[in-house]
Amino acid sequence: MIKKIIVSFGLLFSLASAAQEGTASPYSYYGIGDVKFKGTAEARSMGGVNIPDSIHINLGNPAGYSAIKLTTFSAGGSFNITNFKTKTEKDQGQRTTIDYLAFAFPAGKFGFGAGLMPYSSVGYKVRSVAGTAESRAYSGEGGVNKVYFGAAYQVTPKISVGADFNYNFGNVETKNIWSQGLQYSSRELNTSDLTGFNVNLGAIYTSKIKKKYDFFASVAYTPESTLKSENQRTIATVIDYGGEEAVVEERNIDVANIDLKLPSKLTLGAGFGVKRNWFVGAEVALQQSSNFGSRYNDITNVAYENSEKFSVGGYFIPNFASYTSYFKKVTYRAGLKYENTGLVIANVPIKDYGFSLGVGLPVAGSNLNIGFEYGKRGTTEANLVKENYANIFIGLSLNDKWFVKRKYE
């Protein structure tokens, strides 16, 4: 049964990821868009803290594959509502997206994983009006996806190491239309085809304290890598029919291809608790975002600085082995996060902070994880946009035992 579910989800993900717009934020105009993947549903419910687990895939640290005890399939999606606000205007956007598809299985001291997920997303529509005649419309769509294969090895009962090998690919299209109240408008269309490889390395240390308490420490490191951006630009005279353009005249403009530097990232985490009862953890991610750049050299008024993200969260299970109450077996999660995104517009850093809650519902040996997140990003300073967002996300974790040698034929 689980094999059929994996195939069905794989086909669904392939179709949906090609069509979905993962964000409505105007900040997705910069770089390669909004970083879409924020973690699994269970990690996001704890503010983004990744905790070693034997039945959930740890997509934050590849060393976690060695902790998997059963063949595990995970899929997640989210529904987002964002309220946009400037000093003079308000608007709202909604998106429903598939966030990740992952698979992992144990093999002795080894663990292996593979998956597919949107890495970043571009999706915005902005219109500005000057007087009664002149208007400008800006829109963008696309993003970068990531397919990966990973492996981990349990060096000792306390130490595991692992690595993910990633292939990043995608396409971004941005469009600007100028209208001056005449029959014809001007359109600039930019397209970027993005490809590149990178690797993510990790290690996890686990230990017992006084034979009762569990302690873990983790480190993950992603070295700097290159994402090639093959760029094209066309300038056209068009007739704008309310968002649909009929091209009157079009010409190509020479623009340079760019090698974008995907910045290095260091993530440190630690946690303490009693397994299957309660756990509290914290995580900090430091990224050399100042090395990042834009897809085109002529984008101005934007810069990048090193970014950092701080998360704290945990879970509580009243009675994992309860036979009398289902809700005592439910996992209750909560977390907080703060992030300096590294994006600086008009000398104003863009920051993101929020809180999250969630539950893990046991279902026939597997888990359904549901979470809610509320946060704020950006500011109305310097004519920028402040975003108040609410996310509802769902993750399904299916567990089964594969590769078992039959004793009887």
Protein backbone atom coordinates (compact mmCIF):
# COMPACT_ATOMS: atom_id res chain seq x y z
CA MET A 1 0.00 0.00 0.00
CA ILE A 2 2.70 2.51 0.92
CA LYS A 3 4.42 1.94 -2.45
CA LYS A 4 1.23 2.86 -4.30
CA ILE A 5 0.84 5.98 -2.15
CA ILE A 6 4.42 7.07 -2.91
CA VAL A 7 3.88 6.70 -6.68
CA SER A 8 0.61 8.64 -6.49
CA PHE A 9 2.17 11.46 -4.48
CA GLY A 10 5.15 11.57 -6.83
CA LEU A 11 2.93 12.10 -9.87
CA LEU A 12 0.87 14.68 -8.00
CA PHE A 13 3.97 16.59 -6.90
CA SER A 14 5.42 16.66 -10.42
CA LEU A 15 2.21 18.16 -11.82
CA ALA A 16 1.59 20.58 -8.97
CA SER A 17 5.15 21.91 -8.63
CA ALA A 18 5.20 22.85 -12.31
CA ALA A 19 2.01 24.94 -11.98
CA GLN A 20 1.99 26.33 -8.45
CA GLU A 21 2.96 29.83 -7.39
CA GLY A 22 4.53 29.38 -3.98
CA THR A 23 4.48 33.02 -2.88
CA ALA A 24 2.66 36.30 -3.41
CA SER A 25 5.37 38.47 -1.85
CA PRO A 26 6.90 41.43 -3.75
CA TYR A 27 10.17 40.57 -1.96
CA SER A 28 10.37 37.47 -4.17
CA TYR A 29 11.46 39.81 -6.99
CA TYR A 30 15.01 39.81 -5.60
CA GLY A 31 17.67 37.13 -5.93
CA ILE A 32 16.13 33.77 -6.82
CA GLY A 33 12.91 34.51 -4.93
CA ASP A 34 11.65 33.60 -1.48
CA VAL A 35 13.33 30.58 0.06
CA LYS A 36 10.33 28.28 0.03
CA PHE A 37 11.37 25.24 2.07
CA LYS A 38 11.08 26.06 5.79
CA GLY A 39 11.26 22.49 7.11
CA THR A 40 8.91 19.57 7.61
CA ALA A 41 5.52 20.15 9.23
CA GLU A 42 6.76 18.79 12.55
CA ALA A 43 9.88 21.01 12.53
CA ARG A 44 7.95 24.15 11.50
CA SER A 45 5.53 23.51 14.38
CA MET A 46 8.55 23.90 16.70
CA GLY A 47 9.79 27.15 15.17
CA GLY A 48 12.04 25.30 12.73
CA VAL A 49 13.92 23.14 15.26
CA ASN A 50 14.96 19.75 13.83
CA ILE A 51 15.02 16.94 16.41
CA PRO A 52 16.47 13.45 15.69
CA ASP A 53 13.59 11.03 15.25
CA SER A 54 13.16 7.36 14.34
CA ILE A 55 9.83 7.79 12.49
CA HIS A 56 10.14 11.27 10.89
CA ILE A 57 12.64 12.30 8.22
CA ASN A 58 15.04 15.01 9.37
CA LEU A 59 15.35 17.26 6.30
CA GLY A 60 17.51 19.76 8.17
CA ASN A 61 20.46 17.46 8.84
CA PRO A 62 21.35 14.46 6.61
CA ALA A 63 22.96 12.64 9.53
CA GLY A 64 19.41 12.02 10.76
CA TYR A 65 18.83 9.32 8.14
CA SER A 66 20.72 6.83 10.32
CA ALA A 67 18.11 7.29 13.10
CA ILE A 68 15.27 6.04 10.86
CA LYS A 69 14.07 2.61 11.99
CA LEU A 70 11.38 2.00 9.37
CA THR A 71 11.00 2.84 5.71
CA THR A 72 9.45 6.31 5.84
CA PHE A 73 7.64 8.39 3.27
CA SER A 74 6.86 12.07 4.00
CA ALA A 75 4.86 14.64 2.10
CA GLY A 76 3.81 18.12 3.14
CA GLY A 77 1.78 21.06 1.92
CA SER A 78 0.61 24.42 3.22
CA PHE A 79 -2.04 27.11 2.83
CA ASN A 80 -0.88 30.71 3.24
CA ILE A 81 -2.76 33.98 3.73
CA THR A 82 -0.68 37.18 3.66
CA ASN A 83 -1.88 40.72 4.32
CA PHE A 84 0.29 43.32 2.58
CA LYS A 85 0.52 46.86 3.90
CA THR A 86 2.31 50.03 2.86
CA LYS A 87 1.87 53.48 4.37
CA THR A 88 -1.01 54.14 1.96
CA GLU A 89 -2.29 50.80 0.62
CA LYS A 90 -3.46 47.35 1.76
CA ASP A 91 -3.94 44.07 -0.10
CA GLN A 92 -4.13 40.31 0.50
CA GLY A 93 -2.75 37.22 -1.20
CA GLN A 94 -3.40 33.48 -0.79
CA ARG A 95 -1.42 30.44 -1.89
CA THR A 96 -1.81 26.66 -1.55
CA THR A 97 1.38 24.72 -2.23
CA ILE A 98 3.03 21.31 -1.99
CA ASP A 99 6.17 21.81 0.12
CA TYR A 100 8.15 18.57 0.00
CA LEU A 101 8.17 14.91 -0.97
CA ALA A 102 10.76 12.74 0.81
CA PHE A 103 11.64 9.09 1.26
CA ALA A 104 14.13 7.38 3.61
CA PHE A 105 14.97 3.83 4.66
CA PRO A 106 17.41 2.13 7.08
CA ALA A 107 20.12 -0.37 6.10
CA GLY A 108 21.98 -1.51 9.20
CA LYS A 109 24.20 1.33 10.40
CA PHE A 110 23.41 3.21 7.20
CA GLY A 111 20.39 5.28 6.31
CA PHE A 112 19.44 6.62 2.90
CA GLY A 113 17.09 9.34 1.73
CA ALA A 114 15.87 11.04 -1.43
CA GLY A 115 13.35 13.72 -2.22
CA LEU A 116 12.05 16.63 -4.22
CA MET A 117 10.98 20.07 -3.02
CA PRO A 118 10.62 23.68 -4.15
CA TYR A 119 13.75 25.53 -2.98
CA SER A 120 12.65 29.09 -3.80
CA SER A 121 9.61 30.72 -5.34
CA VAL A 122 8.81 33.89 -7.29
CA GLY A 123 5.23 35.13 -7.47
CA TYR A 124 4.11 38.76 -7.30
CA LYS A 125 1.88 41.29 -9.05
CA VAL A 126 2.32 45.00 -8.30
CA ARG A 127 0.82 48.01 -10.07
CA SER A 128 1.73 51.66 -9.55
CA VAL A 129 -0.19 54.61 -10.97
CA ALA A 130 1.19 58.13 -11.56
CA GLY A 131 -1.59 60.61 -12.24
CA THR A 132 -4.47 59.55 -14.49
CA ALA A 133 -2.52 58.32 -17.53
CA GLU A 134 0.73 56.65 -16.59
CA SER A 135 0.86 53.25 -14.90
CA ARG A 136 3.39 50.48 -14.39
CA ALA A 137 2.66 46.82 -13.74
CA TYR A 138 5.24 44.37 -12.38
CA SER A 139 4.78 40.61 -12.18
CA GLY A 140 6.92 37.52 -11.73
CA GLU A 141 6.58 33.75 -11.52
CA GLY A 142 8.67 30.62 -11.28
CA GLY A 143 11.37 29.51 -8.89
CA VAL A 144 14.02 26.91 -8.16
CA ASN A 145 13.36 23.25 -7.29
CA LYS A 146 15.71 20.81 -5.60
CA VAL A 147 16.06 17.08 -6.05
CA TYR A 148 18.43 15.32 -3.65
CA PHE A 149 19.92 12.01 -2.61
CA GLY A 150 21.45 11.53 0.84
CA ALA A 151 23.17 8.95 3.00
CA ALA A 152 24.15 8.69 6.66
CA TYR A 153 26.33 6.36 8.72
CA GLN A 154 26.24 5.63 12.44
CA VAL A 155 29.93 5.88 13.37
CA THR A 156 29.28 4.97 17.03
CA PRO A 157 26.05 4.51 19.03
CA LYS A 158 26.30 8.24 19.83
CA ILE A 159 27.66 9.81 16.62
CA SER A 160 26.20 9.83 13.11
CA VAL A 161 27.39 11.65 10.00
CA GLY A 162 25.69 12.21 6.66
CA ALA A 163 25.57 14.13 3.39
CA ASP A 164 22.96 15.31 0.90
CA PHE A 165 23.81 15.78 -2.78
CA ASN A 166 21.48 18.29 -4.42
CA TYR A 167 20.65 19.29 -7.97
CA ASN A 168 18.94 22.67 -8.21
CA PHE A 169 16.98 23.67 -11.31
CA GLY A 170 14.25 26.07 -12.31
CA ASN A 171 13.07 29.03 -14.33
CA VAL A 172 12.11 32.58 -13.33
CA GLU A 173 10.15 35.00 -15.51
CA THR A 174 9.60 38.67 -14.62
CA LYS A 175 7.58 41.18 -16.61
CA ASN A 176 7.30 44.99 -16.47
CA ILE A 177 4.68 46.91 -18.46
CA TRP A 178 4.63 50.72 -18.85
CA SER A 179 1.46 52.43 -20.06
CA GLN A 180 1.10 56.16 -20.72
CA GLY A 181 -2.57 56.27 -21.60
CA LEU A 182 -1.92 55.54 -25.27
CA GLN A 183 -3.04 52.61 -27.41
CA TYR A 184 0.34 50.93 -27.10
CA SER A 185 2.32 49.98 -23.99
CA SER A 186 5.96 48.96 -23.52
CA ARG A 187 6.88 45.57 -22.07
CA GLU A 188 10.16 44.27 -20.72
CA LEU A 189 10.28 40.48 -20.32
CA ASN A 190 13.16 38.80 -18.45
CA THR A 191 13.66 35.05 -18.21
CA SER A 192 16.34 33.13 -16.30
CA ASP A 193 17.10 29.41 -16.52
CA LEU A 194 18.83 28.31 -13.32
CA THR A 195 20.89 25.16 -12.69
CA GLY A 196 23.52 24.07 -10.20
CA PHE A 197 24.77 21.44 -7.75
CA ASN A 198 25.55 21.71 -4.04
CA VAL A 199 26.10 19.48 -1.02
CA ASN A 200 24.90 19.56 2.58
CA LEU A 201 27.00 17.88 5.31
CA GLY A 202 25.85 17.00 8.81
CA ALA A 203 26.68 15.32 12.11
CA ILE A 204 24.52 14.47 15.14
CA TYR A 205 25.61 13.53 18.66
CA THR A 206 23.13 11.86 21.05
CA SER A 207 23.68 10.75 24.65
CA LYS A 208 21.91 9.77 27.85
CA ILE A 209 22.14 11.87 31.00
CA LYS A 210 21.53 10.01 34.26
CA LYS A 211 20.00 7.15 32.20
CA LYS A 212 16.74 9.09 31.90
CA TYR A 213 17.29 12.26 29.94
CA ASP A 214 18.21 12.45 26.29
CA PHE A 215 20.61 15.07 24.94
CA PHE A 216 21.47 15.83 21.34
CA ALA A 217 23.72 18.28 19.53
CA SER A 218 23.82 18.73 15.77
CA VAL A 219 25.77 20.61 13.16
CA ALA A 220 25.06 20.99 9.44
CA TYR A 221 27.15 22.84 6.89
CA THR A 222 26.44 23.76 3.28
CA PRO A 223 29.53 25.06 1.43
CA GLU A 224 29.20 27.95 -1.00
CA SER A 225 28.19 26.83 -4.49
CA THR A 226 27.34 28.27 -7.89
CA LEU A 227 23.94 28.56 -9.51
CA LYS A 228 24.22 29.35 -13.21
CA SER A 229 21.66 31.83 -14.51
CA GLU A 230 21.20 31.93 -18.30
CA ASN A 231 19.38 35.19 -18.94
CA GLN A 232 17.28 36.56 -21.78
CA ARG A 233 15.54 39.92 -22.16
CA THR A 234 13.08 41.19 -24.76
CA ILE A 235 11.59 44.66 -25.20
CA ALA A 236 8.22 44.83 -26.96
CA THR A 237 5.50 47.22 -27.95
CA VAL A 238 2.20 45.62 -26.94
CA ILE A 239 -1.50 46.25 -26.68
CA ASP A 240 -2.55 45.47 -23.12
CA TYR A 241 -5.95 43.77 -22.88
CA GLY A 242 -6.32 43.76 -19.10
CA GLY A 243 -3.32 41.51 -18.39
CA GLU A 244 -3.16 39.77 -21.75
CA GLU A 245 -0.75 41.40 -24.22
CA ALA A 246 -0.81 41.33 -28.00
CA VAL A 247 2.72 41.93 -29.34
CA VAL A 248 3.05 44.61 -32.02
CA GLU A 249 6.86 44.71 -32.22
CA GLU A 250 9.55 42.85 -30.28
CA ARG A 251 13.36 42.82 -30.13
CA ASN A 252 15.97 40.96 -28.10
CA ILE A 253 18.35 42.79 -25.76
CA ASP A 254 21.80 41.39 -24.95
CA VAL A 255 22.19 40.69 -21.23
CA ALA A 256 24.96 38.83 -19.46
CA ASN A 257 24.61 35.38 -17.98
CA ILE A 258 25.36 35.35 -14.25
CA ASP A 259 26.98 32.85 -11.90
CA LEU A 260 25.07 33.37 -8.66
CA LYS A 261 26.84 32.41 -5.46
CA LEU A 262 24.59 30.33 -3.24
CA PRO A 263 25.98 31.30 0.17
CA SER A 264 27.50 28.89 2.66
CA LYS A 265 25.33 28.05 5.66
CA LEU A 266 26.17 26.76 9.15
CA THR A 267 23.40 25.38 11.38
CA LEU A 268 23.92 24.48 15.04
CA GLY A 269 21.31 22.80 17.22
CA ALA A 270 20.93 21.24 20.66
CA GLY A 271 18.13 19.75 22.73
CA PHE A 272 17.27 18.07 26.00
CA GLY A 273 14.36 15.98 27.26
CA VAL A 274 12.78 12.57 27.79
CA LYS A 275 12.13 10.54 24.64
CA ARG A 276 8.44 10.04 23.82
CA ASN A 277 7.45 12.41 26.64
CA TRP A 278 8.90 15.92 26.23
CA PHE A 279 11.73 17.69 24.49
CA VAL A 280 13.03 21.25 24.19
CA GLY A 281 15.55 22.36 21.58
CA ALA A 282 17.15 25.41 20.01
CA GLU A 283 18.74 26.04 16.63
CA VAL A 284 20.72 28.84 15.02
CA ALA A 285 21.47 29.13 11.29
CA LEU A 286 24.20 31.48 10.04
CA GLN A 287 24.44 32.20 6.32
CA GLN A 288 27.03 34.16 4.33
CA SER A 289 24.31 35.94 2.36
CA SER A 290 26.51 38.97 1.68
CA ASN A 291 28.08 36.92 -1.15
CA PHE A 292 24.73 36.59 -2.91
CA GLY A 293 23.68 38.64 -5.94
CA SER A 294 20.81 39.29 -8.34
CA ARG A 295 19.99 37.58 -11.64
CA TYR A 296 20.69 40.82 -13.51
CA ASN A 297 23.46 43.35 -12.90
CA ASP A 298 21.15 46.34 -13.44
CA ILE A 299 18.94 45.73 -10.38
CA THR A 300 19.62 48.67 -8.06
CA ASN A 301 18.67 49.79 -4.55
CA VAL A 302 19.22 46.28 -3.15
CA ALA A 303 22.09 44.71 -1.22
CA TYR A 304 22.73 41.59 0.82
CA GLU A 305 24.19 41.08 4.28
CA ASN A 306 24.94 37.96 6.29
CA SER A 307 21.73 36.44 7.64
CA GLU A 308 20.91 34.58 10.81
CA LYS A 309 17.91 32.67 12.08
CA PHE A 310 17.18 31.71 15.69
CA SER A 311 14.59 29.06 16.60
CA VAL A 312 13.43 27.54 19.87
CA GLY A 313 10.75 24.92 20.31
CA GLY A 314 9.76 21.52 21.57
CA TYR A 315 7.07 18.90 22.02
CA PHE A 316 5.06 17.21 24.77
CA ILE A 317 3.34 13.79 24.75
CA PRO A 318 1.17 13.20 27.86
CA ASN A 319 1.29 9.37 27.69
CA PHE A 320 2.74 7.72 24.60
CA ALA A 321 1.54 4.23 25.64
CA SER A 322 -1.96 5.20 26.79
CA TYR A 323 -4.72 2.68 26.04
CA THR A 324 -7.55 4.75 27.47
CA SER A 325 -7.16 8.16 25.82
CA TYR A 326 -6.20 8.92 22.22
CA PHE A 327 -5.38 12.55 23.05
CA LYS A 328 -2.78 11.47 25.60
CA LYS A 329 -0.85 9.89 22.71
CA VAL A 330 -0.97 13.05 20.61
CA THR A 331 2.27 15.05 20.20
CA TYR A 332 1.78 18.75 21.07
CA ARG A 333 4.35 21.16 19.59
CA ALA A 334 5.18 24.87 19.85
CA GLY A 335 8.00 27.17 18.80
CA LEU A 336 9.32 30.68 18.16
CA LYS A 337 11.57 32.04 15.41
CA TYR A 338 13.43 35.22 14.50
CA GLU A 339 15.24 35.76 11.20
CA ASN A 340 17.27 38.51 9.62
CA THR A 341 16.77 37.43 6.00
CA GLY A 342 19.94 39.13 4.69
CA LEU A 343 17.96 41.13 2.11
CA VAL A 344 18.52 44.89 2.38
CA ILE A 345 16.35 47.26 0.32
CA ALA A 346 16.87 51.05 0.41
CA ASN A 347 19.29 50.44 3.32
CA VAL A 348 16.52 48.75 5.35
CA PRO A 349 17.12 45.11 6.48
CA ILE A 350 14.15 42.79 5.90
CA LYS A 351 13.39 40.76 9.03
CA ASP A 352 10.96 37.92 9.76
CA TYR A 353 9.64 36.69 13.10
CA GLY A 354 6.75 34.54 14.31
CA PHE A 355 5.41 31.71 16.45
CA SER A 356 3.95 28.29 15.66
CA LEU A 357 1.80 25.56 17.17
CA GLY A 358 1.08 22.03 16.03
CA VAL A 359 -0.06 18.50 16.78
CA GLY A 360 1.13 15.08 15.68
CA LEU A 361 -1.76 12.63 15.35
CA PRO A 362 -0.91 8.90 15.41
CA VAL A 363 -2.78 7.07 12.63
CA ALA A 364 -2.34 3.30 12.25
CA GLY A 365 1.39 3.31 12.99
CA SER A 366 2.01 6.50 11.01
CA ASN A 367 1.61 10.20 11.76
CA LEU A 368 -0.45 13.12 10.52
CA ASN A 369 1.19 16.39 11.54
CA ILE A 370 -0.81 19.63 11.46
CA GLY A 371 0.62 23.05 12.32
CA PHE A 372 -0.19 26.76 12.37
CA GLU A 373 2.25 29.65 12.06
CA TYR A 374 1.71 33.39 12.41
CA GLY A 375 4.41 35.91 11.64
CA LYS A 376 5.46 39.30 10.32
CA ARG A 377 8.03 40.23 7.69
CA GLY A 378 9.26 43.51 6.33
CA THR A 379 8.36 47.10 7.22
CA THR A 380 6.51 50.11 5.85
CA GLU A 381 9.67 52.24 6.15
CA ALA A 382 11.24 53.65 2.96
CA ASN A 383 8.02 52.90 1.00
CA LEU A 384 8.46 49.15 1.56
CA VAL A 385 5.84 46.47 2.27
CA LYS A 386 4.98 44.92 5.63
CA GLU A 387 3.60 41.39 5.49
CA ASN A 388 1.45 39.76 8.19
CA TYR A 389 1.11 36.09 7.32
CA ALA A 390 -0.68 32.99 8.59
CA ASN A 391 0.30 29.51 7.44
CA ILE A 392 -1.54 26.25 7.95
CA PHE A 393 0.62 23.26 7.04
CA ILE A 394 0.05 19.52 6.97
CA GLY A 395 2.62 16.75 6.83
CA LEU A 396 2.00 13.05 6.35
CA SER A 397 4.59 10.58 7.61
CA LEU A 398 3.97 6.97 6.55
CA ASN A 399 6.04 4.18 8.10
CA ASP A 400 6.45 0.58 6.96
CA LYS A 401 8.97 -2.24 7.17
CA TRP A 402 10.69 -3.03 3.87
CA PHE A 403 13.62 -5.24 2.85
CA VAL A 404 12.76 -7.94 5.41
CA LYS A 405 14.15 -11.36 4.49
CA ARG A 406 11.44 -13.98 4.48
CA LYS A 407 11.96 -16.94 6.78
CA TYR A 408 9.51 -19.11 4.86
CA GLU A 409 8.73 -19.29 1.15
